[in-house]
Amino acid sequence: MRKFLLFPLRLCVGWGLSPRLLSLIAATMLVLLRISIGWHFYSEGVEKRDAGNWSAAPFFANAKGPLAGEFRKMVWDADGALRLNKQANLHYWAVFRDQVGAHYGFDDAQKRQAQVNYAKAVEQYDWVIDENAAELEEYELGRDRIATLETQGREKTLRDGVTSLGGQRDTIRKEWTSKASSALKQIDEIWEGYEIAQNAVATSEQSEGRPMFKMAKPRTARVDTSVVDGIIPYFDIAVGLCLLFGLFTPVAALAAAGFLGSVFLSQYPPSTGPQSSNYQLIESMACLVLAGTGAGRFAGLDFFLHLIIRKFWHAPDPDA
């Protein structure tokens, strides 16, 4: 009778006999939590990889809060300085023209066609610059102002704690970037079209067994989306697989927590609703639970690794 009366209270305070021990139910919940988060990361990674054109650039570009400037710097050519530099574009297109020719082994006729594609891209670039000349002139005139506004405004916001200043700064910055957005989008399309056109010069025999030759984007920062976009899908897949199989769980869970934590910080303070970054914060905390409890030892491969390590750890040292 006493156990029957205490049963509801036991459910409220926890099922385990001791707070230092995990019950079977607690271990099962940890396994389910690990698998759920693992599947989330794995499926996200596969979707990003298979999309082919996935990029973190829109996410970084729309970052907000005290760290917004740092995240925006991670966008490839964030201010368009490289794409609006004609000589830089011509240089990279010429390098790619020669690289794709060497990749497929172009003959003289194909090299001439590659040169025609190059000249066409240059002509298209000049047309875009001429068509958007007025907006680009305003954009270039505002570049120094925005740089000053970003630096002084961020310092003032942090010093005085006036969050509305950050909102005003973001509004001004969006108006500034909108002046070049059309031209930069068209230049991006020229880059993409140029890559496709140069690869299309190759015959079916030349391209057979060879992947499409990609035009590498030159880095505009130490770490930008030209690098991040290629890493994140496989990072998600690797973390997801480790959590699904319970392999190196603390390391994988900490990596996942750090990644999700950075997502939360990039959208701070979080808004409400479906797009709120609070969900990333909650999942980040759940990953820390997985790391802190070594959840891979429950129905995971870490169980066997733990047995091996424990066996050798407590074995007598022959050199002692």
C-alpha atoms as a PDB file:
ATOM      1  CA  MET A   1       0.000   0.000   0.000  1.00  0.00           C
ATOM      2  CA  ARG A   2       2.841   2.391   0.853  1.00  0.00           C
ATOM      3  CA  LYS A   3       4.522   1.811  -2.521  1.00  0.00           C
ATOM      4  CA  PHE A   4       1.226   2.359  -4.279  1.00  0.00           C
ATOM      5  CA  LEU A   5       0.721   5.709  -2.530  1.00  0.00           C
ATOM      6  CA  LEU A   6       4.308   6.807  -3.199  1.00  0.00           C
ATOM      7  CA  PHE A   7       4.181   5.802  -6.885  1.00  0.00           C
ATOM      8  CA  PRO A   8       2.877   9.194  -8.210  1.00  0.00           C
ATOM      9  CA  LEU A   9       5.448  11.053  -6.110  1.00  0.00           C
ATOM     10  CA  ARG A  10       8.217   8.808  -7.410  1.00  0.00           C
ATOM     11  CA  LEU A  11       7.209   9.641 -10.966  1.00  0.00           C
ATOM     12  CA  CYS A  12       7.354  13.350 -10.139  1.00  0.00           C
ATOM     13  CA  VAL A  13      10.826  13.339  -8.574  1.00  0.00           C
ATOM     14  CA  GLY A  14      12.450  10.712 -10.815  1.00  0.00           C
ATOM     15  CA  TRP A  15      12.280   6.970 -11.234  1.00  0.00           C
ATOM     16  CA  GLY A  16      15.865   6.051 -10.375  1.00  0.00           C
ATOM     17  CA  LEU A  17      16.695   4.878  -6.869  1.00  0.00           C
ATOM     18  CA  SER A  18      19.591   7.316  -6.690  1.00  0.00           C
ATOM     19  CA  PRO A  19      20.092  10.673  -8.450  1.00  0.00           C
ATOM     20  CA  ARG A  20      23.635   9.513  -9.246  1.00  0.00           C
ATOM     21  CA  LEU A  21      22.403   6.500 -11.200  1.00  0.00           C
ATOM     22  CA  LEU A  22      20.485   6.417 -14.464  1.00  0.00           C
ATOM     23  CA  SER A  23      17.437   4.187 -14.541  1.00  0.00           C
ATOM     24  CA  LEU A  24      16.561   2.052 -17.546  1.00  0.00           C
ATOM     25  CA  ILE A  25      13.905   4.589 -18.500  1.00  0.00           C
ATOM     26  CA  ALA A  26      16.408   7.479 -18.319  1.00  0.00           C
ATOM     27  CA  ALA A  27      18.943   5.566 -20.405  1.00  0.00           C
ATOM     28  CA  THR A  28      16.256   4.754 -22.983  1.00  0.00           C
ATOM     29  CA  MET A  29      15.265   8.428 -23.201  1.00  0.00           C
ATOM     30  CA  LEU A  30      18.901   9.402 -23.727  1.00  0.00           C
ATOM     31  CA  VAL A  31      19.193   6.887 -26.554  1.00  0.00           C
ATOM     32  CA  LEU A  32      16.026   8.223 -28.191  1.00  0.00           C
ATOM     33  CA  LEU A  33      17.257  11.803 -27.770  1.00  0.00           C
ATOM     34  CA  ARG A  34      20.626  10.889 -29.300  1.00  0.00           C
ATOM     35  CA  ILE A  35      19.001   9.156 -32.263  1.00  0.00           C
ATOM     36  CA  SER A  36      16.538  12.017 -32.834  1.00  0.00           C
ATOM     37  CA  ILE A  37      19.258  14.669 -32.904  1.00  0.00           C
ATOM     38  CA  GLY A  38      21.506  12.390 -34.964  1.00  0.00           C
ATOM     39  CA  TRP A  39      18.795  11.879 -37.559  1.00  0.00           C
ATOM     40  CA  HIS A  40      18.144  15.627 -37.660  1.00  0.00           C
ATOM     41  CA  PHE A  41      21.794  16.390 -38.417  1.00  0.00           C
ATOM     42  CA  TYR A  42      22.180  13.515 -40.886  1.00  0.00           C
ATOM     43  CA  SER A  43      19.042  14.349 -42.882  1.00  0.00           C
ATOM     44  CA  GLU A  44      19.926  18.063 -42.961  1.00  0.00           C
ATOM     45  CA  GLY A  45      23.416  17.259 -44.202  1.00  0.00           C
ATOM     46  CA  VAL A  46      22.191  14.932 -46.952  1.00  0.00           C
ATOM     47  CA  GLU A  47      19.627  17.483 -48.106  1.00  0.00           C
ATOM     48  CA  LYS A  48      22.248  20.254 -48.285  1.00  0.00           C
ATOM     49  CA  ARG A  49      24.716  18.006 -50.119  1.00  0.00           C
ATOM     50  CA  ASP A  50      22.162  16.790 -52.669  1.00  0.00           C
ATOM     51  CA  ALA A  51      20.837  20.306 -53.302  1.00  0.00           C
ATOM     52  CA  GLY A  52      24.139  21.129 -55.002  1.00  0.00           C
ATOM     53  CA  ASN A  53      23.661  24.884 -54.686  1.00  0.00           C
ATOM     54  CA  TRP A  54      23.073  25.195 -50.942  1.00  0.00           C
ATOM     55  CA  SER A  55      24.805  28.151 -49.331  1.00  0.00           C
ATOM     56  CA  ALA A  56      24.987  29.639 -45.860  1.00  0.00           C
ATOM     57  CA  ALA A  57      25.398  33.115 -47.381  1.00  0.00           C
ATOM     58  CA  PRO A  58      21.737  34.254 -46.910  1.00  0.00           C
ATOM     59  CA  PHE A  59      21.844  33.123 -43.282  1.00  0.00           C
ATOM     60  CA  PHE A  60      25.089  34.947 -42.514  1.00  0.00           C
ATOM     61  CA  ALA A  61      24.017  38.031 -44.471  1.00  0.00           C
ATOM     62  CA  ASN A  62      20.834  38.356 -42.386  1.00  0.00           C
ATOM     63  CA  ALA A  63      22.570  37.888 -39.041  1.00  0.00           C
ATOM     64  CA  LYS A  64      21.620  40.317 -36.289  1.00  0.00           C
ATOM     65  CA  GLY A  65      22.753  41.260 -32.805  1.00  0.00           C
ATOM     66  CA  PRO A  66      26.193  42.220 -31.432  1.00  0.00           C
ATOM     67  CA  LEU A  67      27.984  39.579 -33.521  1.00  0.00           C
ATOM     68  CA  ALA A  68      26.158  40.321 -36.782  1.00  0.00           C
ATOM     69  CA  GLY A  69      29.172  42.070 -38.291  1.00  0.00           C
ATOM     70  CA  GLU A  70      31.423  39.072 -37.685  1.00  0.00           C
ATOM     71  CA  PHE A  71      28.950  36.689 -39.284  1.00  0.00           C
ATOM     72  CA  ARG A  72      28.428  38.964 -42.287  1.00  0.00           C
ATOM     73  CA  LYS A  73      32.178  38.977 -42.878  1.00  0.00           C
ATOM     74  CA  MET A  74      31.891  35.228 -43.539  1.00  0.00           C
ATOM     75  CA  VAL A  75      29.782  35.827 -46.648  1.00  0.00           C
ATOM     76  CA  TRP A  76      31.875  35.429 -49.780  1.00  0.00           C
ATOM     77  CA  ASP A  77      32.576  38.866 -51.262  1.00  0.00           C
ATOM     78  CA  ALA A  78      30.080  40.347 -48.797  1.00  0.00           C
ATOM     79  CA  ASP A  79      30.522  43.918 -50.000  1.00  0.00           C
ATOM     80  CA  GLY A  80      30.908  43.039 -53.686  1.00  0.00           C
ATOM     81  CA  ALA A  81      34.425  44.488 -53.843  1.00  0.00           C
ATOM     82  CA  LEU A  82      35.734  41.541 -55.864  1.00  0.00           C
ATOM     83  CA  ARG A  83      32.787  41.166 -58.239  1.00  0.00           C
ATOM     84  CA  LEU A  84      32.743  44.897 -58.945  1.00  0.00           C
ATOM     85  CA  ASN A  85      36.454  44.840 -59.783  1.00  0.00           C
ATOM     86  CA  LYS A  86      36.571  44.188 -63.533  1.00  0.00           C
ATOM     87  CA  GLN A  87      40.250  43.263 -63.613  1.00  0.00           C
ATOM     88  CA  ALA A  88      39.762  40.693 -60.860  1.00  0.00           C
ATOM     89  CA  ASN A  89      36.880  39.073 -62.758  1.00  0.00           C
ATOM     90  CA  LEU A  90      38.865  38.959 -65.987  1.00  0.00           C
ATOM     91  CA  HIS A  91      41.817  37.382 -64.200  1.00  0.00           C
ATOM     92  CA  TYR A  92      39.811  34.572 -62.587  1.00  0.00           C
ATOM     93  CA  TRP A  93      37.856  33.886 -65.769  1.00  0.00           C
ATOM     94  CA  ALA A  94      41.076  33.645 -67.778  1.00  0.00           C
ATOM     95  CA  VAL A  95      42.602  31.274 -65.221  1.00  0.00           C
ATOM     96  CA  PHE A  96      39.483  29.099 -65.313  1.00  0.00           C
ATOM     97  CA  ARG A  97      39.494  29.087 -69.133  1.00  0.00           C
ATOM     98  CA  ASP A  98      43.018  27.652 -69.130  1.00  0.00           C
ATOM     99  CA  GLN A  99      42.297  25.232 -66.270  1.00  0.00           C
ATOM    100  CA  VAL A 100      39.180  23.752 -67.861  1.00  0.00           C
ATOM    101  CA  GLY A 101      41.056  23.347 -71.144  1.00  0.00           C
ATOM    102  CA  ALA A 102      43.840  21.432 -69.417  1.00  0.00           C
ATOM    103  CA  HIS A 103      41.295  19.366 -67.454  1.00  0.00           C
ATOM    104  CA  TYR A 104      39.543  18.047 -70.565  1.00  0.00           C
ATOM    105  CA  GLY A 105      42.465  18.298 -72.990  1.00  0.00           C
ATOM    106  CA  PHE A 106      40.971  20.827 -75.427  1.00  0.00           C
ATOM    107  CA  ASP A 107      42.261  20.913 -78.991  1.00  0.00           C
ATOM    108  CA  ASP A 108      42.901  24.185 -80.839  1.00  0.00           C
ATOM    109  CA  ALA A 109      39.300  24.539 -82.002  1.00  0.00           C
ATOM    110  CA  GLN A 110      37.997  24.023 -78.493  1.00  0.00           C
ATOM    111  CA  LYS A 111      40.472  26.537 -77.109  1.00  0.00           C
ATOM    112  CA  ARG A 112      39.169  29.097 -79.581  1.00  0.00           C
ATOM    113  CA  GLN A 113      35.611  28.375 -78.441  1.00  0.00           C
ATOM    114  CA  ALA A 114      36.709  28.760 -74.831  1.00  0.00           C
ATOM    115  CA  GLN A 115      38.137  32.164 -75.758  1.00  0.00           C
ATOM    116  CA  VAL A 116      34.821  33.093 -77.381  1.00  0.00           C
ATOM    117  CA  ASN A 117      33.035  32.180 -74.131  1.00  0.00           C
ATOM    118  CA  TYR A 118      35.510  34.314 -72.226  1.00  0.00           C
ATOM    119  CA  ALA A 119      34.926  37.325 -74.491  1.00  0.00           C
ATOM    120  CA  LYS A 120      31.163  36.871 -74.197  1.00  0.00           C
ATOM    121  CA  ALA A 121      31.377  36.864 -70.384  1.00  0.00           C
ATOM    122  CA  VAL A 122      33.429  40.084 -70.493  1.00  0.00           C
ATOM    123  CA  GLU A 123      30.852  41.676 -72.795  1.00  0.00           C
ATOM    124  CA  GLN A 124      28.020  40.671 -70.467  1.00  0.00           C
ATOM    125  CA  TYR A 125      29.921  42.050 -67.480  1.00  0.00           C
ATOM    126  CA  ASP A 126      30.417  45.438 -69.172  1.00  0.00           C
ATOM    127  CA  TRP A 127      26.713  45.563 -70.022  1.00  0.00           C
ATOM    128  CA  VAL A 128      25.695  44.887 -66.396  1.00  0.00           C
ATOM    129  CA  ILE A 129      28.024  47.605 -65.090  1.00  0.00           C
ATOM    130  CA  ASP A 130      26.717  50.131 -67.638  1.00  0.00           C
ATOM    131  CA  GLU A 131      23.068  49.311 -66.939  1.00  0.00           C
ATOM    132  CA  ASN A 132      23.534  49.713 -63.179  1.00  0.00           C
ATOM    133  CA  ALA A 133      26.003  52.606 -63.299  1.00  0.00           C
ATOM    134  CA  ALA A 134      23.910  55.089 -61.287  1.00  0.00           C
ATOM    135  CA  GLU A 135      23.127  52.643 -58.469  1.00  0.00           C
ATOM    136  CA  LEU A 136      26.715  51.388 -58.335  1.00  0.00           C
ATOM    137  CA  GLU A 137      28.025  54.940 -58.110  1.00  0.00           C
ATOM    138  CA  GLU A 138      25.826  55.572 -55.065  1.00  0.00           C
ATOM    139  CA  TYR A 139      26.897  52.220 -53.658  1.00  0.00           C
ATOM    140  CA  GLU A 140      30.589  53.037 -53.910  1.00  0.00           C
ATOM    141  CA  LEU A 141      30.064  56.499 -52.406  1.00  0.00           C
ATOM    142  CA  GLY A 142      28.343  54.956 -49.409  1.00  0.00           C
ATOM    143  CA  ARG A 143      30.987  52.288 -48.773  1.00  0.00           C
ATOM    144  CA  ASP A 144      33.111  54.391 -46.399  1.00  0.00           C
ATOM    145  CA  ARG A 145      30.043  55.689 -44.587  1.00  0.00           C
ATOM    146  CA  ILE A 146      28.772  52.179 -43.927  1.00  0.00           C
ATOM    147  CA  ALA A 147      32.189  51.060 -42.650  1.00  0.00           C
ATOM    148  CA  THR A 148      32.259  53.970 -40.201  1.00  0.00           C
ATOM    149  CA  LEU A 149      28.648  53.358 -39.190  1.00  0.00           C
ATOM    150  CA  GLU A 150      29.314  49.674 -38.544  1.00  0.00           C
ATOM    151  CA  THR A 151      32.330  50.351 -36.307  1.00  0.00           C
ATOM    152  CA  GLN A 152      31.092  53.343 -34.341  1.00  0.00           C
ATOM    153  CA  GLY A 153      27.512  52.136 -34.173  1.00  0.00           C
ATOM    154  CA  ARG A 154      28.489  48.745 -32.774  1.00  0.00           C
ATOM    155  CA  GLU A 155      30.711  50.341 -30.142  1.00  0.00           C
ATOM    156  CA  LYS A 156      27.948  52.766 -29.127  1.00  0.00           C
ATOM    157  CA  THR A 157      25.353  49.997 -28.921  1.00  0.00           C
ATOM    158  CA  LEU A 158      27.586  47.887 -26.698  1.00  0.00           C
ATOM    159  CA  ARG A 159      28.540  50.884 -24.546  1.00  0.00           C
ATOM    160  CA  ASP A 160      25.109  52.452 -24.091  1.00  0.00           C
ATOM    161  CA  GLY A 161      23.002  49.326 -24.445  1.00  0.00           C
ATOM    162  CA  VAL A 162      20.579  50.994 -26.867  1.00  0.00           C
ATOM    163  CA  THR A 163      19.339  48.138 -29.016  1.00  0.00           C
ATOM    164  CA  SER A 164      17.326  50.465 -31.262  1.00  0.00           C
ATOM    165  CA  LEU A 165      20.617  51.831 -32.631  1.00  0.00           C
ATOM    166  CA  GLY A 166      21.412  48.397 -33.967  1.00  0.00           C
ATOM    167  CA  GLY A 167      18.058  48.315 -35.750  1.00  0.00           C
ATOM    168  CA  GLN A 168      18.648  51.734 -37.307  1.00  0.00           C
ATOM    169  CA  ARG A 169      22.107  50.664 -38.440  1.00  0.00           C
ATOM    170  CA  ASP A 170      20.718  47.504 -40.036  1.00  0.00           C
ATOM    171  CA  THR A 171      18.044  49.507 -41.867  1.00  0.00           C
ATOM    172  CA  ILE A 172      20.633  51.899 -43.309  1.00  0.00           C
ATOM    173  CA  ARG A 173      22.855  48.996 -44.292  1.00  0.00           C
ATOM    174  CA  LYS A 174      20.016  47.176 -46.084  1.00  0.00           C
ATOM    175  CA  GLU A 175      19.205  50.315 -48.065  1.00  0.00           C
ATOM    176  CA  TRP A 176      22.874  50.574 -49.044  1.00  0.00           C
ATOM    177  CA  THR A 177      23.246  46.935 -50.109  1.00  0.00           C
ATOM    178  CA  SER A 178      20.023  47.093 -52.125  1.00  0.00           C
ATOM    179  CA  LYS A 179      21.672  49.553 -54.519  1.00  0.00           C
ATOM    180  CA  ALA A 180      24.172  46.925 -55.699  1.00  0.00           C
ATOM    181  CA  SER A 181      22.069  43.790 -55.211  1.00  0.00           C
ATOM    182  CA  SER A 182      20.728  43.718 -58.780  1.00  0.00           C
ATOM    183  CA  ALA A 183      24.167  44.122 -60.366  1.00  0.00           C
ATOM    184  CA  LEU A 184      25.799  41.576 -58.055  1.00  0.00           C
ATOM    185  CA  LYS A 185      23.053  39.051 -58.762  1.00  0.00           C
ATOM    186  CA  GLN A 186      23.568  39.458 -62.506  1.00  0.00           C
ATOM    187  CA  ILE A 187      27.338  39.098 -62.109  1.00  0.00           C
ATOM    188  CA  ASP A 188      26.769  35.891 -60.135  1.00  0.00           C
ATOM    189  CA  GLU A 189      24.686  34.622 -63.047  1.00  0.00           C
ATOM    190  CA  ILE A 190      27.537  35.468 -65.431  1.00  0.00           C
ATOM    191  CA  TRP A 191      29.939  33.414 -63.281  1.00  0.00           C
ATOM    192  CA  GLU A 192      27.537  30.460 -63.259  1.00  0.00           C
ATOM    193  CA  GLY A 193      26.807  30.682 -66.964  1.00  0.00           C
ATOM    194  CA  TYR A 194      30.500  30.995 -67.779  1.00  0.00           C
ATOM    195  CA  GLU A 195      31.298  27.855 -65.785  1.00  0.00           C
ATOM    196  CA  ILE A 196      28.593  25.901 -67.612  1.00  0.00           C
ATOM    197  CA  ALA A 197      29.587  27.221 -71.040  1.00  0.00           C
ATOM    198  CA  GLN A 198      33.266  26.333 -70.638  1.00  0.00           C
ATOM    199  CA  ASN A 199      32.445  22.809 -69.468  1.00  0.00           C
ATOM    200  CA  ALA A 200      30.034  22.403 -72.383  1.00  0.00           C
ATOM    201  CA  VAL A 201      32.934  22.839 -74.822  1.00  0.00           C
ATOM    202  CA  ALA A 202      34.168  19.361 -73.895  1.00  0.00           C
ATOM    203  CA  THR A 203      33.001  16.481 -76.053  1.00  0.00           C
ATOM    204  CA  SER A 204      31.148  13.507 -74.573  1.00  0.00           C
ATOM    205  CA  GLU A 205      34.332  11.449 -74.855  1.00  0.00           C
ATOM    206  CA  GLN A 206      36.357  14.069 -72.995  1.00  0.00           C
ATOM    207  CA  SER A 207      33.786  14.503 -70.234  1.00  0.00           C
ATOM    208  CA  GLU A 208      33.125  10.778 -69.800  1.00  0.00           C
ATOM    209  CA  GLY A 209      34.417   9.636 -66.429  1.00  0.00           C
ATOM    210  CA  ARG A 210      35.300  13.189 -65.431  1.00  0.00           C
ATOM    211  CA  PRO A 211      33.189  15.336 -63.102  1.00  0.00           C
ATOM    212  CA  MET A 212      32.184  18.831 -64.127  1.00  0.00           C
ATOM    213  CA  PHE A 213      35.133  21.134 -63.551  1.00  0.00           C
ATOM    214  CA  LYS A 214      34.102  23.668 -60.915  1.00  0.00           C
ATOM    215  CA  MET A 215      35.304  27.249 -60.921  1.00  0.00           C
ATOM    216  CA  ALA A 216      36.792  27.842 -57.479  1.00  0.00           C
ATOM    217  CA  LYS A 217      35.862  31.133 -55.866  1.00  0.00           C
ATOM    218  CA  PRO A 218      38.818  33.085 -54.490  1.00  0.00           C
ATOM    219  CA  ARG A 219      38.582  33.610 -50.747  1.00  0.00           C
ATOM    220  CA  THR A 220      37.642  37.102 -49.648  1.00  0.00           C
ATOM    221  CA  ALA A 221      38.207  36.297 -45.952  1.00  0.00           C
ATOM    222  CA  ARG A 222      40.160  33.725 -43.977  1.00  0.00           C
ATOM    223  CA  VAL A 223      36.969  31.679 -43.621  1.00  0.00           C
ATOM    224  CA  ASP A 224      34.032  32.569 -45.840  1.00  0.00           C
ATOM    225  CA  THR A 225      31.122  30.797 -47.479  1.00  0.00           C
ATOM    226  CA  SER A 226      33.294  29.633 -50.367  1.00  0.00           C
ATOM    227  CA  VAL A 227      34.817  27.287 -47.760  1.00  0.00           C
ATOM    228  CA  VAL A 228      31.945  26.895 -45.301  1.00  0.00           C
ATOM    229  CA  ASP A 229      29.427  25.825 -47.963  1.00  0.00           C
ATOM    230  CA  GLY A 230      31.545  22.793 -48.799  1.00  0.00           C
ATOM    231  CA  ILE A 231      32.160  21.814 -45.179  1.00  0.00           C
ATOM    232  CA  ILE A 232      28.796  22.172 -43.427  1.00  0.00           C
ATOM    233  CA  PRO A 233      26.875  19.431 -45.329  1.00  0.00           C
ATOM    234  CA  TYR A 234      29.542  16.840 -44.539  1.00  0.00           C
ATOM    235  CA  PHE A 235      29.934  18.174 -40.988  1.00  0.00           C
ATOM    236  CA  ASP A 236      26.202  17.609 -40.477  1.00  0.00           C
ATOM    237  CA  ILE A 237      26.398  14.118 -41.970  1.00  0.00           C
ATOM    238  CA  ALA A 238      29.419  13.141 -39.857  1.00  0.00           C
ATOM    239  CA  VAL A 239      27.888  14.435 -36.622  1.00  0.00           C
ATOM    240  CA  GLY A 240      24.588  12.765 -37.474  1.00  0.00           C
ATOM    241  CA  LEU A 241      26.169   9.367 -38.137  1.00  0.00           C
ATOM    242  CA  CYS A 242      28.248   9.533 -34.932  1.00  0.00           C
ATOM    243  CA  LEU A 243      25.151  10.283 -32.869  1.00  0.00           C
ATOM    244  CA  LEU A 244      23.026   7.668 -34.644  1.00  0.00           C
ATOM    245  CA  PHE A 245      25.575   4.932 -33.975  1.00  0.00           C
ATOM    246  CA  GLY A 246      26.699   6.289 -30.603  1.00  0.00           C
ATOM    247  CA  LEU A 247      30.319   6.653 -31.756  1.00  0.00           C
ATOM    248  CA  PHE A 248      32.570   9.278 -30.139  1.00  0.00           C
ATOM    249  CA  THR A 249      29.353  10.753 -28.777  1.00  0.00           C
ATOM    250  CA  PRO A 250      30.841  13.409 -26.443  1.00  0.00           C
ATOM    251  CA  VAL A 251      32.967  14.880 -29.261  1.00  0.00           C
ATOM    252  CA  ALA A 252      30.129  14.762 -31.801  1.00  0.00           C
ATOM    253  CA  ALA A 253      27.619  16.199 -29.325  1.00  0.00           C
ATOM    254  CA  LEU A 254      29.950  19.051 -28.333  1.00  0.00           C
ATOM    255  CA  ALA A 255      30.569  19.857 -32.000  1.00  0.00           C
ATOM    256  CA  ALA A 256      26.809  19.890 -32.600  1.00  0.00           C
ATOM    257  CA  ALA A 257      26.242  22.070 -29.526  1.00  0.00           C
ATOM    258  CA  GLY A 258      28.873  24.551 -30.687  1.00  0.00           C
ATOM    259  CA  PHE A 259      27.370  24.707 -34.171  1.00  0.00           C
ATOM    260  CA  LEU A 260      23.837  25.219 -32.881  1.00  0.00           C
ATOM    261  CA  GLY A 261      25.088  27.733 -30.335  1.00  0.00           C
ATOM    262  CA  SER A 262      26.649  29.794 -33.129  1.00  0.00           C
ATOM    263  CA  VAL A 263      23.305  29.729 -34.970  1.00  0.00           C
ATOM    264  CA  PHE A 264      21.606  31.078 -31.853  1.00  0.00           C
ATOM    265  CA  LEU A 265      24.197  33.831 -31.397  1.00  0.00           C
ATOM    266  CA  SER A 266      23.852  34.902 -35.026  1.00  0.00           C
ATOM    267  CA  GLN A 267      20.156  35.634 -34.474  1.00  0.00           C
ATOM    268  CA  TYR A 268      20.359  37.219 -31.028  1.00  0.00           C
ATOM    269  CA  PRO A 269      18.089  38.371 -29.502  1.00  0.00           C
ATOM    270  CA  PRO A 270      15.799  35.606 -30.739  1.00  0.00           C
ATOM    271  CA  SER A 271      12.389  36.366 -32.132  1.00  0.00           C
ATOM    272  CA  THR A 272       9.222  34.401 -31.473  1.00  0.00           C
ATOM    273  CA  GLY A 273       7.428  32.100 -33.847  1.00  0.00           C
ATOM    274  CA  PRO A 274       8.513  29.257 -36.153  1.00  0.00           C
ATOM    275  CA  GLN A 275      11.710  31.030 -37.226  1.00  0.00           C
ATOM    276  CA  SER A 276      12.891  31.636 -33.671  1.00  0.00           C
ATOM    277  CA  SER A 277      16.474  30.608 -32.900  1.00  0.00           C
ATOM    278  CA  ASN A 278      15.342  29.429 -29.457  1.00  0.00           C
ATOM    279  CA  TYR A 279      14.863  26.004 -31.031  1.00  0.00           C
ATOM    280  CA  GLN A 280      18.569  25.850 -31.862  1.00  0.00           C
ATOM    281  CA  LEU A 281      19.397  26.872 -28.290  1.00  0.00           C
ATOM    282  CA  ILE A 282      17.202  24.099 -26.877  1.00  0.00           C
ATOM    283  CA  GLU A 283      18.753  21.495 -29.175  1.00  0.00           C
ATOM    284  CA  SER A 284      22.211  22.801 -28.263  1.00  0.00           C
ATOM    285  CA  MET A 285      21.450  22.242 -24.571  1.00  0.00           C
ATOM    286  CA  ALA A 286      20.210  18.737 -25.399  1.00  0.00           C
ATOM    287  CA  CYS A 287      23.519  18.030 -27.147  1.00  0.00           C
ATOM    288  CA  LEU A 288      25.360  19.115 -24.002  1.00  0.00           C
ATOM    289  CA  VAL A 289      23.291  16.608 -22.044  1.00  0.00           C
ATOM    290  CA  LEU A 290      24.332  13.874 -24.480  1.00  0.00           C
ATOM    291  CA  ALA A 291      27.980  14.890 -24.136  1.00  0.00           C
ATOM    292  CA  GLY A 292      27.853  15.137 -20.347  1.00  0.00           C
ATOM    293  CA  THR A 293      26.200  11.738 -19.859  1.00  0.00           C
ATOM    294  CA  GLY A 294      28.262   9.888 -22.461  1.00  0.00           C
ATOM    295  CA  ALA A 295      24.997   8.793 -24.068  1.00  0.00           C
ATOM    296  CA  GLY A 296      26.809   6.689 -26.675  1.00  0.00           C
ATOM    297  CA  ARG A 297      27.533   4.082 -24.018  1.00  0.00           C
ATOM    298  CA  PHE A 298      23.830   3.222 -23.969  1.00  0.00           C
ATOM    299  CA  ALA A 299      22.968   1.125 -27.047  1.00  0.00           C
ATOM    300  CA  GLY A 300      25.867   2.645 -28.947  1.00  0.00           C
ATOM    301  CA  LEU A 301      29.340   1.763 -30.172  1.00  0.00           C
ATOM    302  CA  ASP A 302      30.878   3.821 -27.376  1.00  0.00           C
ATOM    303  CA  PHE A 303      29.847   0.998 -25.030  1.00  0.00           C
ATOM    304  CA  PHE A 304      32.492  -1.276 -26.559  1.00  0.00           C
ATOM    305  CA  LEU A 305      35.100   1.468 -26.712  1.00  0.00           C
ATOM    306  CA  HIS A 306      34.412   2.230 -23.065  1.00  0.00           C
ATOM    307  CA  LEU A 307      34.986  -1.414 -22.140  1.00  0.00           C
ATOM    308  CA  ILE A 308      38.321  -1.487 -23.981  1.00  0.00           C
ATOM    309  CA  ILE A 309      39.524   1.797 -22.459  1.00  0.00           C
ATOM    310  CA  ARG A 310      38.437   0.778 -18.962  1.00  0.00           C
ATOM    311  CA  LYS A 311      40.224  -2.558 -19.303  1.00  0.00           C
ATOM    312  CA  PHE A 312      43.561  -0.999 -20.255  1.00  0.00           C
ATOM    313  CA  TRP A 313      43.127   1.999 -17.944  1.00  0.00           C
ATOM    314  CA  HIS A 314      42.910  -0.200 -14.833  1.00  0.00           C
ATOM    315  CA  ALA A 315      45.442  -2.774 -15.999  1.00  0.00           C
ATOM    316  CA  PRO A 316      48.679  -2.849 -13.947  1.00  0.00           C
ATOM    317  CA  ASP A 317      51.502  -0.805 -15.506  1.00  0.00           C
ATOM    318  CA  PRO A 318      54.377  -3.189 -16.393  1.00  0.00           C
ATOM    319  CA  ASP A 319      56.877  -0.318 -16.138  1.00  0.00           C
ATOM    320  CA  ALA A 320      55.752   0.656 -12.645  1.00  0.00           C
END
